[in-house]
C-alpha atoms as a PDB file:
ATOM      1  CA  MET A   1       7.792 -44.326 -14.521  1.00  0.00           C
ATOM      2  CA  PRO A   2       6.104 -41.117 -15.895  1.00  0.00           C
ATOM      3  CA  HIS A   3       8.358 -38.156 -16.606  1.00  0.00           C
ATOM      4  CA  THR A   4       7.253 -35.006 -14.697  1.00  0.00           C
ATOM      5  CA  ASP A   5       8.787 -31.672 -15.453  1.00  0.00           C
ATOM      6  CA  ALA A   6       8.813 -29.784 -12.170  1.00  0.00           C
ATOM      7  CA  ILE A   7       7.987 -26.069 -12.688  1.00  0.00           C
ATOM      8  CA  PRO A   8      10.775 -24.145 -10.922  1.00  0.00           C
ATOM      9  CA  PRO A   9       9.567 -21.721  -8.242  1.00  0.00           C
ATOM     10  CA  GLU A  10       9.320 -18.050  -9.497  1.00  0.00           C
ATOM     11  CA  SER A  11      12.475 -16.263  -8.975  1.00  0.00           C
ATOM     12  CA  GLU A  12      12.964 -12.830  -7.118  1.00  0.00           C
ATOM     13  CA  ALA A  13      14.060 -11.227 -10.332  1.00  0.00           C
ATOM     14  CA  SER A  14      10.868 -12.313 -12.049  1.00  0.00           C
ATOM     15  CA  LEU A  15       8.626 -11.130  -9.133  1.00  0.00           C
ATOM     16  CA  GLN A  16      10.328  -7.788  -9.082  1.00  0.00           C
ATOM     17  CA  SER A  17       9.873  -7.285 -12.799  1.00  0.00           C
ATOM     18  CA  LYS A  18       6.021  -8.077 -12.375  1.00  0.00           C
ATOM     19  CA  VAL A  19       5.864  -5.559  -9.359  1.00  0.00           C
ATOM     20  CA  VAL A  20       7.638  -2.883 -11.175  1.00  0.00           C
ATOM     21  CA  LYS A  21       5.317  -3.074 -14.044  1.00  0.00           C
ATOM     22  CA  ALA A  22       2.276  -3.209 -11.891  1.00  0.00           C
ATOM     23  CA  ALA A  23       3.444  -0.135 -10.002  1.00  0.00           C
ATOM     24  CA  ALA A  24       3.980   1.710 -12.949  1.00  0.00           C
ATOM     25  CA  LEU A  25       0.487   0.892 -14.255  1.00  0.00           C
ATOM     26  CA  PHE A  26      -0.951   2.351 -11.153  1.00  0.00           C
ATOM     27  CA  GLY A  27       1.214   5.512 -11.156  1.00  0.00           C
ATOM     28  CA  TRP A  28       4.041   4.753  -8.778  1.00  0.00           C
ATOM     29  CA  THR A  29       7.701   5.848  -9.266  1.00  0.00           C
ATOM     30  CA  VAL A  30       9.835   3.101  -8.417  1.00  0.00           C
ATOM     31  CA  PHE A  31      13.496   3.019  -7.237  1.00  0.00           C
ATOM     32  CA  SER A  32      15.312  -0.368  -7.359  1.00  0.00           C
ATOM     33  CA  VAL A  33      18.474  -1.093  -5.358  1.00  0.00           C
ATOM     34  CA  ARG A  34      19.278  -4.048  -7.438  1.00  0.00           C
ATOM     35  CA  GLN A  35      21.076  -3.212 -10.660  1.00  0.00           C
ATOM     36  CA  SER A  36      21.815  -5.792 -13.322  1.00  0.00           C
ATOM     37  CA  ALA A  37      24.910  -3.833 -14.401  1.00  0.00           C
ATOM     38  CA  ALA A  38      26.770  -0.867 -12.928  1.00  0.00           C
ATOM     39  CA  PRO A  39      25.609   2.301 -14.300  1.00  0.00           C
ATOM     40  CA  VAL A  40      28.048   4.228 -16.520  1.00  0.00           C
ATOM     41  CA  GLY A  41      28.394   8.008 -16.637  1.00  0.00           C
ATOM     42  CA  LYS A  42      28.603  10.270 -19.780  1.00  0.00           C
ATOM     43  CA  ASP A  43      32.524   9.816 -19.625  1.00  0.00           C
ATOM     44  CA  GLY A  44      32.270   6.132 -19.739  1.00  0.00           C
ATOM     45  CA  ARG A  45      33.296   5.369 -16.222  1.00  0.00           C
ATOM     46  CA  LYS A  46      31.308   3.264 -13.967  1.00  0.00           C
ATOM     47  CA  ILE A  47      29.240   5.150 -11.310  1.00  0.00           C
ATOM     48  CA  SER A  48      29.380   3.603  -7.954  1.00  0.00           C
ATOM     49  CA  PHE A  49      26.926   3.918  -5.244  1.00  0.00           C
ATOM     50  CA  VAL A  50      26.502   2.659  -1.893  1.00  0.00           C
ATOM     51  CA  THR A  51      23.682   0.901  -0.315  1.00  0.00           C
ATOM     52  CA  SER A  52      23.108  -0.055   3.318  1.00  0.00           C
ATOM     53  CA  SER A  53      23.074  -3.843   3.782  1.00  0.00           C
ATOM     54  CA  GLY A  54      19.552  -5.077   4.101  1.00  0.00           C
ATOM     55  CA  TYR A  55      17.743  -2.168   2.528  1.00  0.00           C
ATOM     56  CA  PRO A  56      14.458  -3.221   0.940  1.00  0.00           C
ATOM     57  CA  ASP A  57      14.582  -4.114  -2.892  1.00  0.00           C
ATOM     58  CA  LEU A  58      11.984  -1.487  -3.965  1.00  0.00           C
ATOM     59  CA  THR A  59      11.079   1.966  -2.862  1.00  0.00           C
ATOM     60  CA  MET A  60       7.892   3.246  -4.482  1.00  0.00           C
ATOM     61  CA  VAL A  61       6.414   6.689  -4.217  1.00  0.00           C
ATOM     62  CA  HIS A  62       2.961   7.862  -5.244  1.00  0.00           C
ATOM     63  CA  PRO A  63       2.663  11.661  -4.829  1.00  0.00           C
ATOM     64  CA  THR A  64      -1.030  11.659  -5.494  1.00  0.00           C
ATOM     65  CA  MET A  65      -1.925   9.129  -2.881  1.00  0.00           C
ATOM     66  CA  LYS A  66       0.801  10.695  -0.561  1.00  0.00           C
ATOM     67  CA  ARG A  67       2.376   7.250   0.074  1.00  0.00           C
ATOM     68  CA  VAL A  68       5.781   5.591   0.154  1.00  0.00           C
ATOM     69  CA  ILE A  69       6.202   1.860   0.136  1.00  0.00           C
ATOM     70  CA  PHE A  70       9.267  -0.129   0.883  1.00  0.00           C
ATOM     71  CA  ALA A  71       9.160  -3.747  -0.393  1.00  0.00           C
ATOM     72  CA  GLU A  72      11.515  -6.647   0.181  1.00  0.00           C
ATOM     73  CA  LEU A  73      10.914  -9.376  -2.384  1.00  0.00           C
ATOM     74  CA  LYS A  74      11.588 -13.179  -1.963  1.00  0.00           C
ATOM     75  CA  SER A  75      11.440 -15.916  -4.342  1.00  0.00           C
ATOM     76  CA  ALA A  76       8.790 -18.731  -4.055  1.00  0.00           C
ATOM     77  CA  ASP A  77      11.594 -20.948  -2.686  1.00  0.00           C
ATOM     78  CA  PRO A  78      10.804 -21.728   0.984  1.00  0.00           C
ATOM     79  CA  LYS A  79      14.536 -21.425   1.767  1.00  0.00           C
ATOM     80  CA  ALA A  80      14.463 -17.859   0.800  1.00  0.00           C
ATOM     81  CA  ARG A  81      14.417 -15.936   4.059  1.00  0.00           C
ATOM     82  CA  LEU A  82      15.006 -12.531   5.365  1.00  0.00           C
ATOM     83  CA  SER A  83      18.519 -11.775   6.540  1.00  0.00           C
ATOM     84  CA  VAL A  84      19.065 -10.146  10.012  1.00  0.00           C
ATOM     85  CA  ALA A  85      19.962  -6.858   8.175  1.00  0.00           C
ATOM     86  CA  GLN A  86      16.687  -7.051   6.105  1.00  0.00           C
ATOM     87  CA  GLU A  87      14.612  -7.674   9.196  1.00  0.00           C
ATOM     88  CA  ASP A  88      16.312  -4.775  10.868  1.00  0.00           C
ATOM     89  CA  TRP A  89      15.499  -2.422   8.075  1.00  0.00           C
ATOM     90  CA  LEU A  90      11.982  -3.342   7.931  1.00  0.00           C
ATOM     91  CA  ALA A  91      11.350  -3.093  11.652  1.00  0.00           C
ATOM     92  CA  LYS A  92      12.926   0.458  11.601  1.00  0.00           C
ATOM     93  CA  LEU A  93      10.868   1.460   8.601  1.00  0.00           C
ATOM     94  CA  GLU A  94       7.651   0.263  10.331  1.00  0.00           C
ATOM     95  CA  ALA A  95       8.783   1.987  13.766  1.00  0.00           C
ATOM     96  CA  ALA A  96       8.961   5.088  11.693  1.00  0.00           C
ATOM     97  CA  GLY A  97       5.415   4.681  10.443  1.00  0.00           C
ATOM     98  CA  GLN A  98       6.274   3.638   7.021  1.00  0.00           C
ATOM     99  CA  GLU A  99       4.523   0.885   4.844  1.00  0.00           C
ATOM    100  CA  ALA A 100       7.050  -1.828   4.614  1.00  0.00           C
ATOM    101  CA  TYR A 101       6.283  -5.313   3.046  1.00  0.00           C
ATOM    102  CA  VAL A 102       7.781  -8.740   2.400  1.00  0.00           C
ATOM    103  CA  TRP A 103       6.360 -10.030  -0.718  1.00  0.00           C
ATOM    104  CA  ARG A 104       6.533 -13.420  -2.390  1.00  0.00           C
ATOM    105  CA  PRO A 105       4.897 -14.565  -5.641  1.00  0.00           C
ATOM    106  CA  LYS A 106       2.024 -16.134  -3.608  1.00  0.00           C
ATOM    107  CA  ASP A 107       1.283 -12.686  -2.451  1.00  0.00           C
ATOM    108  CA  TRP A 108       0.222 -11.282  -5.887  1.00  0.00           C
ATOM    109  CA  ASP A 109      -3.370 -10.466  -5.076  1.00  0.00           C
ATOM    110  CA  THR A 110      -2.297  -8.506  -1.962  1.00  0.00           C
ATOM    111  CA  ILE A 111       0.586  -6.841  -3.977  1.00  0.00           C
ATOM    112  CA  VAL A 112      -1.924  -5.546  -6.491  1.00  0.00           C
ATOM    113  CA  ARG A 113      -4.399  -4.430  -3.767  1.00  0.00           C
ATOM    114  CA  VAL A 114      -1.722  -2.490  -2.022  1.00  0.00           C
ATOM    115  CA  LEU A 115      -0.409  -0.714  -5.225  1.00  0.00           C
ATOM    116  CA  MET A 116      -3.930   0.159  -6.329  1.00  0.00           C
ATOM    117  CA  ALA A 117      -5.457   1.211  -3.110  1.00  0.00           C
ATOM    118  CA  PHE A 118      -4.929   3.767  -0.397  1.00  0.00           C
ATOM    119  CA  LYS A 119      -3.105   2.817   2.738  1.00  0.00           C
ATOM    120  CA  LEU A 120      -4.792  -0.556   3.653  1.00  0.00           C
ATOM    121  CA  ASP A 121      -4.656   0.142   7.515  1.00  0.00           C
ATOM    122  CA  ALA A 122      -6.054   3.628   7.185  1.00  0.00           C
ATOM    123  CA  ALA A 123      -9.022   4.102   9.445  1.00  0.00           C
ATOM    124  CA  ALA A 124     -12.075   6.506   9.156  1.00  0.00           C
ATOM    125  CA  ILE A 125     -14.624   7.296  11.632  1.00  0.00           C
ATOM    126  CA  CYS A 126     -18.214   6.472  10.790  1.00  0.00           C
ATOM    127  CA  MET A 127     -20.559   9.447  10.994  1.00  0.00           C
ATOM    128  CA  GLY A 128     -23.443   7.147  11.970  1.00  0.00           C
ATOM    129  CA  CYS A 129     -22.037   5.085  14.882  1.00  0.00           C
ATOM    130  CA  GLY A 130     -18.681   6.918  15.687  1.00  0.00           C
ATOM    131  CA  LYS A 131     -16.535   3.824  15.560  1.00  0.00           C
ATOM    132  CA  ARG A 132     -13.289   3.479  13.591  1.00  0.00           C
ATOM    133  CA  TYR A 133     -13.508   1.377  10.473  1.00  0.00           C
ATOM    134  CA  THR A 134     -11.431   0.419   7.389  1.00  0.00           C
ATOM    135  CA  PRO A 135     -13.233   1.928   4.378  1.00  0.00           C
ATOM    136  CA  ARG A 136     -13.076  -0.017   1.020  1.00  0.00           C
ATOM    137  CA  ARG A 137     -11.876   3.215  -0.796  1.00  0.00           C
ATOM    138  CA  ARG A 138     -10.328   6.368   0.203  1.00  0.00           C
ATOM    139  CA  PRO A 139     -12.903   8.517   2.211  1.00  0.00           C
ATOM    140  CA  GLN A 140     -13.646  11.722   0.454  1.00  0.00           C
ATOM    141  CA  SER A 141     -12.913  14.902   2.389  1.00  0.00           C
ATOM    142  CA  GLY A 142     -16.045  17.120   3.065  1.00  0.00           C
ATOM    143  CA  ARG A 143     -18.500  14.091   2.662  1.00  0.00           C
ATOM    144  CA  ARG A 144     -20.099  11.880   5.149  1.00  0.00           C
ATOM    145  CA  ASN A 145     -18.475   8.573   5.511  1.00  0.00           C
ATOM    146  CA  PHE A 146     -20.252   5.478   7.087  1.00  0.00           C
ATOM    147  CA  CYS A 147     -19.179   1.882   7.981  1.00  0.00           C
ATOM    148  CA  GLN A 148     -20.887  -1.110   6.235  1.00  0.00           C
ATOM    149  CA  ASP A 149     -22.955  -1.635   9.267  1.00  0.00           C
ATOM    150  CA  CYS A 150     -24.527   1.911   9.248  1.00  0.00           C
ATOM    151  CA  GLY A 151     -24.356   2.539   5.428  1.00  0.00           C
ATOM    152  CA  LYS A 152     -27.115   4.294   3.661  1.00  0.00           C
ATOM    153  CA  ARG A 153     -29.612   3.946   6.559  1.00  0.00           C
ATOM    154  CA  ALA A 154     -27.535   6.165   8.706  1.00  0.00           C
ATOM    155  CA  SER A 155     -26.952   8.727   5.768  1.00  0.00           C
ATOM    156  CA  ASP A 156     -30.648   8.898   5.174  1.00  0.00           C
ATOM    157  CA  ARG A 157     -31.376   9.380   8.894  1.00  0.00           C
ATOM    158  CA  ILE A 158     -28.823  12.202   9.307  1.00  0.00           C
ATOM    159  CA  ARG A 159     -29.993  13.942   6.046  1.00  0.00           C
ATOM    160  CA  THR A 160     -33.784  13.819   7.403  1.00  0.00           C
ATOM    161  CA  TRP A 161     -32.685  14.990  10.820  1.00  0.00           C
ATOM    162  CA  GLU A 162     -30.748  17.996   9.212  1.00  0.00           C
ATOM    163  CA  LYS A 163     -33.803  18.984   6.916  1.00  0.00           C
ATOM    164  CA  ARG A 164     -36.144  18.874  10.012  1.00  0.00           C
ATOM    165  CA  HIS A 165     -33.867  21.112  12.047  1.00  0.00           C
ATOM    166  CA  ALA A 166     -33.011  23.489   9.265  1.00  0.00           C
ATOM    167  CA  ALA A 167     -36.908  24.061   8.813  1.00  0.00           C
ATOM    168  CA  ILE A 168     -37.324  25.222  12.353  1.00  0.00           C
ATOM    169  CA  PRO A 169     -36.740  28.991  12.726  1.00  0.00           C
ATOM    170  CA  ALA A 170     -33.949  29.837  15.102  1.00  0.00           C
ATOM    171  CA  GLY A 171     -36.101  31.716  17.640  1.00  0.00           C
ATOM    172  CA  ALA A 172     -38.754  28.916  17.740  1.00  0.00           C
ATOM    173  CA  GLN A 173     -36.348  26.468  19.400  1.00  0.00           C
ATOM    174  CA  ASP A 174     -35.852  28.633  22.473  1.00  0.00           C
ATOM    175  CA  GLY A 175     -39.569  29.136  23.333  1.00  0.00           C
END
């Protein structure tokens, strides 16, 4: 019988290490509830702190993007499930309009996209058709933004219309 070494599923601690490194790479400031050892003050005494049961593993702030993300991390083990307290915290954060995620190692591509992009569910209004759409990158203020359906055609059409109407003297339109 051939010997096969099963690769153990990625641990939550390993995933957290990767997420924290990626977050730092993209300019996030990260706070982690999980501490490997109790912090020690200048006087040598342990510093105690209290966290609410179920609070997400990571709180990440990006001041430039004006975003805060709360992430609960789980290992690849299918038995790793959210506790009732964790579900409650995530539900309350989402109800308050915050970005709250449950991430597992299999979600790595999504994790990276969330960390490097603006808020994924952000919507913009297309200047061409007037419909809401999810842009691929952060819309720039003061510039026209178009959905993929309208794109460059709508931009060119609006620019042509503006040039044509700018060329007509103000009094000529009334007559």
